[in-house]
Amino acid sequence: MTQKRLFGISGAIATAALIGGLLAGCMEKDLYDPNYGKEPLPDPSEYFGFETRGDVKLSVNYDVPGL
């Protein structure tokens, strides 16, 4: 009974050490870089041959007919 118990305790300790080592190893370095492989966006005039925005004159009539 004592050998089974010793084997179970040592297995639990080994498993905890393995999981702890994996977690510590992964937290040591932040490997995610959101800007990796991204180039800055070019000016819109460089990649569009047409206007995608412009100024529009807008007039709104607030008169309610029938009042």
PDB file of N, CA and C in Angstrom:
ATOM      1  N   MET A   1       0.827  -1.191   0.000  1.00  0.00           N
ATOM      2  CA  MET A   1       0.000   0.000   0.000  1.00  0.00           C
ATOM      3  C   MET A   1       0.869   1.251   0.000  1.00  0.00           C
ATOM      4  N   THR A   2       1.971   1.220   0.687  1.00  0.00           N
ATOM      5  CA  THR A   2       2.812   2.411   0.748  1.00  0.00           C
ATOM      6  C   THR A   2       3.498   2.667  -0.585  1.00  0.00           C
ATOM      7  N   GLN A   3       3.827   1.611  -1.344  1.00  0.00           N
ATOM      8  CA  GLN A   3       4.457   1.822  -2.642  1.00  0.00           C
ATOM      9  C   GLN A   3       3.459   2.426  -3.631  1.00  0.00           C
ATOM     10  N   LYS A   4       2.221   1.994  -3.586  1.00  0.00           N
ATOM     11  CA  LYS A   4       1.200   2.567  -4.458  1.00  0.00           C
ATOM     12  C   LYS A   4       0.982   4.040  -4.131  1.00  0.00           C
ATOM     13  N   ARG A   5       0.936   4.315  -2.854  1.00  0.00           N
ATOM     14  CA  ARG A   5       0.713   5.694  -2.418  1.00  0.00           C
ATOM     15  C   ARG A   5       1.896   6.568  -2.802  1.00  0.00           C
ATOM     16  N   LEU A   6       3.110   6.065  -2.616  1.00  0.00           N
ATOM     17  CA  LEU A   6       4.314   6.805  -2.977  1.00  0.00           C
ATOM     18  C   LEU A   6       4.360   7.032  -4.486  1.00  0.00           C
ATOM     19  N   PHE A   7       3.988   6.013  -5.257  1.00  0.00           N
ATOM     20  CA  PHE A   7       3.965   6.140  -6.713  1.00  0.00           C
ATOM     21  C   PHE A   7       2.918   7.178  -7.148  1.00  0.00           C
ATOM     22  N   GLY A   8       1.769   7.190  -6.503  1.00  0.00           N
ATOM     23  CA  GLY A   8       0.718   8.159  -6.829  1.00  0.00           C
ATOM     24  C   GLY A   8       1.130   9.579  -6.500  1.00  0.00           C
ATOM     25  N   ILE A   9       1.771   9.755  -5.341  1.00  0.00           N
ATOM     26  CA  ILE A   9       2.219  11.093  -4.938  1.00  0.00           C
ATOM     27  C   ILE A   9       3.321  11.580  -5.863  1.00  0.00           C
ATOM     28  N   SER A  10       4.277  10.711  -6.183  1.00  0.00           N
ATOM     29  CA  SER A  10       5.373  11.127  -7.062  1.00  0.00           C
ATOM     30  C   SER A  10       4.856  11.412  -8.473  1.00  0.00           C
ATOM     31  N   GLY A  11       3.862  10.680  -8.917  1.00  0.00           N
ATOM     32  CA  GLY A  11       3.255  10.954 -10.221  1.00  0.00           C
ATOM     33  C   GLY A  11       2.544  12.295 -10.240  1.00  0.00           C
ATOM     34  N   ALA A  12       1.852  12.607  -9.151  1.00  0.00           N
ATOM     35  CA  ALA A  12       1.164  13.895  -9.064  1.00  0.00           C
ATOM     36  C   ALA A  12       2.167  15.039  -9.034  1.00  0.00           C
ATOM     37  N   ILE A  13       3.263  14.863  -8.303  1.00  0.00           N
ATOM     38  CA  ILE A  13       4.300  15.897  -8.237  1.00  0.00           C
ATOM     39  C   ILE A  13       4.949  16.080  -9.608  1.00  0.00           C
ATOM     40  N   ALA A  14       5.234  14.984 -10.296  1.00  0.00           N
ATOM     41  CA  ALA A  14       5.844  15.069 -11.627  1.00  0.00           C
ATOM     42  C   ALA A  14       4.903  15.751 -12.616  1.00  0.00           C
ATOM     43  N   THR A  15       3.627  15.429 -12.542  1.00  0.00           N
ATOM     44  CA  THR A  15       2.647  16.056 -13.432  1.00  0.00           C
ATOM     45  C   THR A  15       2.531  17.546 -13.148  1.00  0.00           C
ATOM     46  N   ALA A  16       2.487  17.916 -11.872  1.00  0.00           N
ATOM     47  CA  ALA A  16       2.405  19.333 -11.505  1.00  0.00           C
ATOM     48  C   ALA A  16       3.656  20.075 -11.956  1.00  0.00           C
ATOM     49  N   ALA A  17       4.826  19.449 -11.809  1.00  0.00           N
ATOM     50  CA  ALA A  17       6.071  20.087 -12.239  1.00  0.00           C
ATOM     51  C   ALA A  17       6.091  20.265 -13.754  1.00  0.00           C
ATOM     52  N   LEU A  18       5.611  19.280 -14.485  1.00  0.00           N
ATOM     53  CA  LEU A  18       5.572  19.368 -15.942  1.00  0.00           C
ATOM     54  C   LEU A  18       4.633  20.483 -16.401  1.00  0.00           C
ATOM     55  N   ILE A  19       3.449  20.534 -15.836  1.00  0.00           N
ATOM     56  CA  ILE A  19       2.488  21.576 -16.205  1.00  0.00           C
ATOM     57  C   ILE A  19       3.013  22.949 -15.804  1.00  0.00           C
ATOM     58  N   GLY A  20       3.597  23.056 -14.619  1.00  0.00           N
ATOM     59  CA  GLY A  20       4.171  24.330 -14.182  1.00  0.00           C
ATOM     60  C   GLY A  20       5.302  24.780 -15.087  1.00  0.00           C
ATOM     61  N   GLY A  21       6.144  23.852 -15.506  1.00  0.00           N
ATOM     62  CA  GLY A  21       7.234  24.197 -16.421  1.00  0.00           C
ATOM     63  C   GLY A  21       6.732  24.653 -17.775  1.00  0.00           C
ATOM     64  N   LEU A  22       5.703  23.989 -18.276  1.00  0.00           N
ATOM     65  CA  LEU A  22       5.131  24.398 -19.557  1.00  0.00           C
ATOM     66  C   LEU A  22       4.518  25.792 -19.477  1.00  0.00           C
ATOM     67  N   LEU A  23       3.795  26.055 -18.405  1.00  0.00           N
ATOM     68  CA  LEU A  23       3.176  27.375 -18.254  1.00  0.00           C
ATOM     69  C   LEU A  23       4.221  28.462 -18.097  1.00  0.00           C
ATOM     70  N   ALA A  24       5.255  28.204 -17.321  1.00  0.00           N
ATOM     71  CA  ALA A  24       6.312  29.199 -17.123  1.00  0.00           C
ATOM     72  C   ALA A  24       7.078  29.423 -18.422  1.00  0.00           C
ATOM     73  N   GLY A  25       7.291  28.383 -19.192  1.00  0.00           N
ATOM     74  CA  GLY A  25       8.004  28.524 -20.454  1.00  0.00           C
ATOM     75  C   GLY A  25       7.217  29.311 -21.480  1.00  0.00           C
ATOM     76  N   CYS A  26       5.918  29.153 -21.486  1.00  0.00           N
ATOM     77  CA  CYS A  26       5.090  29.878 -22.441  1.00  0.00           C
ATOM     78  C   CYS A  26       4.923  31.341 -22.049  1.00  0.00           C
ATOM     79  N   MET A  27       4.964  31.634 -20.768  1.00  0.00           N
ATOM     80  CA  MET A  27       4.787  33.009 -20.319  1.00  0.00           C
ATOM     81  C   MET A  27       6.088  33.797 -20.383  1.00  0.00           C
ATOM     82  N   GLU A  28       7.211  33.120 -20.584  1.00  0.00           N
ATOM     83  CA  GLU A  28       8.499  33.807 -20.590  1.00  0.00           C
ATOM     84  C   GLU A  28       8.621  34.757 -21.771  1.00  0.00           C
ATOM     85  N   LYS A  29       8.114  34.339 -22.924  1.00  0.00           N
ATOM     86  CA  LYS A  29       8.227  35.144 -24.134  1.00  0.00           C
ATOM     87  C   LYS A  29       6.837  35.420 -24.677  1.00  0.00           C
ATOM     88  N   ASP A  30       6.626  36.653 -25.073  1.00  0.00           N
ATOM     89  CA  ASP A  30       5.384  36.991 -25.742  1.00  0.00           C
ATOM     90  C   ASP A  30       5.652  36.897 -27.235  1.00  0.00           C
ATOM     91  N   LEU A  31       5.221  35.824 -27.846  1.00  0.00           N
ATOM     92  CA  LEU A  31       5.553  35.560 -29.234  1.00  0.00           C
ATOM     93  C   LEU A  31       4.580  36.192 -30.216  1.00  0.00           C
ATOM     94  N   TYR A  32       3.474  36.730 -29.751  1.00  0.00           N
ATOM     95  CA  TYR A  32       2.488  37.315 -30.655  1.00  0.00           C
ATOM     96  C   TYR A  32       2.856  38.756 -30.953  1.00  0.00           C
ATOM     97  N   ASP A  33       3.026  39.079 -32.216  1.00  0.00           N
ATOM     98  CA  ASP A  33       3.284  40.442 -32.651  1.00  0.00           C
ATOM     99  C   ASP A  33       2.200  40.809 -33.660  1.00  0.00           C
ATOM    100  N   PRO A  34       1.270  41.684 -33.291  1.00  0.00           N
ATOM    101  CA  PRO A  34       0.164  41.986 -34.201  1.00  0.00           C
ATOM    102  C   PRO A  34       0.611  42.692 -35.476  1.00  0.00           C
ATOM    103  N   ASN A  35       1.792  43.300 -35.489  1.00  0.00           N
ATOM    104  CA  ASN A  35       2.263  44.029 -36.661  1.00  0.00           C
ATOM    105  C   ASN A  35       3.216  43.212 -37.523  1.00  0.00           C
ATOM    106  N   TYR A  36       3.392  41.930 -37.219  1.00  0.00           N
ATOM    107  CA  TYR A  36       4.323  41.097 -37.982  1.00  0.00           C
ATOM    108  C   TYR A  36       3.814  40.900 -39.408  1.00  0.00           C
ATOM    109  N   GLY A  37       4.636  41.201 -40.366  1.00  0.00           N
ATOM    110  CA  GLY A  37       4.283  41.002 -41.766  1.00  0.00           C
ATOM    111  C   GLY A  37       3.366  42.057 -42.343  1.00  0.00           C
ATOM    112  N   LYS A  38       3.055  43.077 -41.602  1.00  0.00           N
ATOM    113  CA  LYS A  38       2.171  44.126 -42.097  1.00  0.00           C
ATOM    114  C   LYS A  38       3.011  45.330 -42.505  1.00  0.00           C
ATOM    115  N   GLU A  39       2.704  45.845 -43.650  1.00  0.00           N
ATOM    116  CA  GLU A  39       3.348  47.069 -44.099  1.00  0.00           C
ATOM    117  C   GLU A  39       2.364  48.213 -43.882  1.00  0.00           C
ATOM    118  N   PRO A  40       2.876  49.430 -43.711  1.00  0.00           N
ATOM    119  CA  PRO A  40       1.939  50.551 -43.545  1.00  0.00           C
ATOM    120  C   PRO A  40       1.084  50.729 -44.804  1.00  0.00           C
ATOM    121  N   LEU A  41      -0.140  51.170 -44.609  1.00  0.00           N
ATOM    122  CA  LEU A  41      -1.059  51.346 -45.730  1.00  0.00           C
ATOM    123  C   LEU A  41      -0.598  52.492 -46.620  1.00  0.00           C
ATOM    124  N   PRO A  42      -0.659  52.311 -47.935  1.00  0.00           N
ATOM    125  CA  PRO A  42      -0.292  53.406 -48.836  1.00  0.00           C
ATOM    126  C   PRO A  42      -1.386  54.468 -48.862  1.00  0.00           C
ATOM    127  N   ASP A  43      -1.042  55.598 -49.422  1.00  0.00           N
ATOM    128  CA  ASP A  43      -1.997  56.689 -49.562  1.00  0.00           C
ATOM    129  C   ASP A  43      -3.127  56.236 -50.497  1.00  0.00           C
ATOM    130  N   PRO A  44      -4.381  56.585 -50.214  1.00  0.00           N
ATOM    131  CA  PRO A  44      -5.486  56.134 -51.076  1.00  0.00           C
ATOM    132  C   PRO A  44      -5.328  56.538 -52.541  1.00  0.00           C
ATOM    133  N   SER A  45      -4.650  57.637 -52.818  1.00  0.00           N
ATOM    134  CA  SER A  45      -4.473  58.048 -54.212  1.00  0.00           C
ATOM    135  C   SER A  45      -3.531  57.113 -54.961  1.00  0.00           C
ATOM    136  N   GLU A  46      -2.778  56.290 -54.266  1.00  0.00           N
ATOM    137  CA  GLU A  46      -1.833  55.387 -54.913  1.00  0.00           C
ATOM    138  C   GLU A  46      -2.493  54.099 -55.401  1.00  0.00           C
ATOM    139  N   TYR A  47      -3.567  53.647 -54.783  1.00  0.00           N
ATOM    140  CA  TYR A  47      -4.129  52.368 -55.176  1.00  0.00           C
ATOM    141  C   TYR A  47      -5.560  52.441 -55.689  1.00  0.00           C
ATOM    142  N   PHE A  48      -6.162  53.620 -55.734  1.00  0.00           N
ATOM    143  CA  PHE A  48      -7.480  53.778 -56.333  1.00  0.00           C
ATOM    144  C   PHE A  48      -7.350  54.728 -57.513  1.00  0.00           C
ATOM    145  N   GLY A  49      -7.990  54.373 -58.605  1.00  0.00           N
ATOM    146  CA  GLY A  49      -7.987  55.253 -59.760  1.00  0.00           C
ATOM    147  C   GLY A  49      -9.253  56.090 -59.833  1.00  0.00           C
ATOM    148  N   PHE A  50     -10.012  56.129 -58.783  1.00  0.00           N
ATOM    149  CA  PHE A  50     -11.253  56.885 -58.755  1.00  0.00           C
ATOM    150  C   PHE A  50     -11.469  57.415 -57.342  1.00  0.00           C
ATOM    151  N   GLU A  51     -12.337  58.383 -57.230  1.00  0.00           N
ATOM    152  CA  GLU A  51     -12.633  58.965 -55.922  1.00  0.00           C
ATOM    153  C   GLU A  51     -13.561  58.048 -55.137  1.00  0.00           C
ATOM    154  N   THR A  52     -13.265  57.853 -53.893  1.00  0.00           N
ATOM    155  CA  THR A  52     -14.134  57.051 -53.032  1.00  0.00           C
ATOM    156  C   THR A  52     -14.843  57.908 -51.996  1.00  0.00           C
ATOM    157  N   ARG A  53     -14.534  59.176 -52.017  1.00  0.00           N
ATOM    158  CA  ARG A  53     -15.208  60.084 -51.086  1.00  0.00           C
ATOM    159  C   ARG A  53     -15.234  61.470 -51.722  1.00  0.00           C
ATOM    160  N   GLY A  54     -16.144  62.287 -51.257  1.00  0.00           N
ATOM    161  CA  GLY A  54     -16.265  63.629 -51.800  1.00  0.00           C
ATOM    162  C   GLY A  54     -17.192  64.464 -50.940  1.00  0.00           C
ATOM    163  N   ASP A  55     -17.235  65.752 -51.230  1.00  0.00           N
ATOM    164  CA  ASP A  55     -18.101  66.676 -50.502  1.00  0.00           C
ATOM    165  C   ASP A  55     -19.435  66.777 -51.238  1.00  0.00           C
ATOM    166  N   VAL A  56     -20.516  66.696 -50.487  1.00  0.00           N
ATOM    167  CA  VAL A  56     -21.858  66.768 -51.052  1.00  0.00           C
ATOM    168  C   VAL A  56     -22.622  67.840 -50.294  1.00  0.00           C
ATOM    169  N   LYS A  57     -23.279  68.744 -51.050  1.00  0.00           N
ATOM    170  CA  LYS A  57     -24.105  69.765 -50.417  1.00  0.00           C
ATOM    171  C   LYS A  57     -25.461  69.145 -50.111  1.00  0.00           C
ATOM    172  N   LEU A  58     -25.913  69.296 -48.887  1.00  0.00           N
ATOM    173  CA  LEU A  58     -27.159  68.688 -48.445  1.00  0.00           C
ATOM    174  C   LEU A  58     -28.047  69.764 -47.845  1.00  0.00           C
ATOM    175  N   SER A  59     -29.286  69.796 -48.282  1.00  0.00           N
ATOM    176  CA  SER A  59     -30.254  70.713 -47.669  1.00  0.00           C
ATOM    177  C   SER A  59     -31.464  69.889 -47.235  1.00  0.00           C
ATOM    178  N   VAL A  60     -31.923  70.138 -46.030  1.00  0.00           N
ATOM    179  CA  VAL A  60     -33.028  69.379 -45.454  1.00  0.00           C
ATOM    180  C   VAL A  60     -34.206  70.320 -45.265  1.00  0.00           C
ATOM    181  N   ASN A  61     -35.374  69.905 -45.731  1.00  0.00           N
ATOM    182  CA  ASN A  61     -36.587  70.693 -45.601  1.00  0.00           C
ATOM    183  C   ASN A  61     -37.369  70.141 -44.413  1.00  0.00           C
ATOM    184  N   TYR A  62     -37.494  70.946 -43.365  1.00  0.00           N
ATOM    185  CA  TYR A  62     -38.178  70.510 -42.150  1.00  0.00           C
ATOM    186  C   TYR A  62     -39.666  70.856 -42.147  1.00  0.00           C
ATOM    187  N   ASP A  63     -40.182  71.388 -43.240  1.00  0.00           N
ATOM    188  CA  ASP A  63     -41.605  71.733 -43.296  1.00  0.00           C
ATOM    189  C   ASP A  63     -42.446  70.466 -43.271  1.00  0.00           C
ATOM    190  N   VAL A  64     -43.511  70.503 -42.468  1.00  0.00           N
ATOM    191  CA  VAL A  64     -44.424  69.370 -42.381  1.00  0.00           C
ATOM    192  C   VAL A  64     -45.683  69.748 -43.160  1.00  0.00           C
ATOM    193  N   PRO A  65     -46.005  69.017 -44.215  1.00  0.00           N
ATOM    194  CA  PRO A  65     -47.199  69.376 -44.987  1.00  0.00           C
ATOM    195  C   PRO A  65     -48.482  69.075 -44.205  1.00  0.00           C
ATOM    196  N   GLY A  66     -49.451  69.959 -44.355  1.00  0.00           N
ATOM    197  CA  GLY A  66     -50.755  69.740 -43.744  1.00  0.00           C
ATOM    198  C   GLY A  66     -50.918  70.384 -42.381  1.00  0.00           C
ATOM    199  N   LEU A  67     -49.918  71.033 -41.845  1.00  0.00           N
ATOM    200  CA  LEU A  67     -50.092  71.691 -40.540  1.00  0.00           C
ATOM    201  C   LEU A  67     -50.197  73.170 -40.674  1.00  0.00           C
TER     202      LEU A  67
END
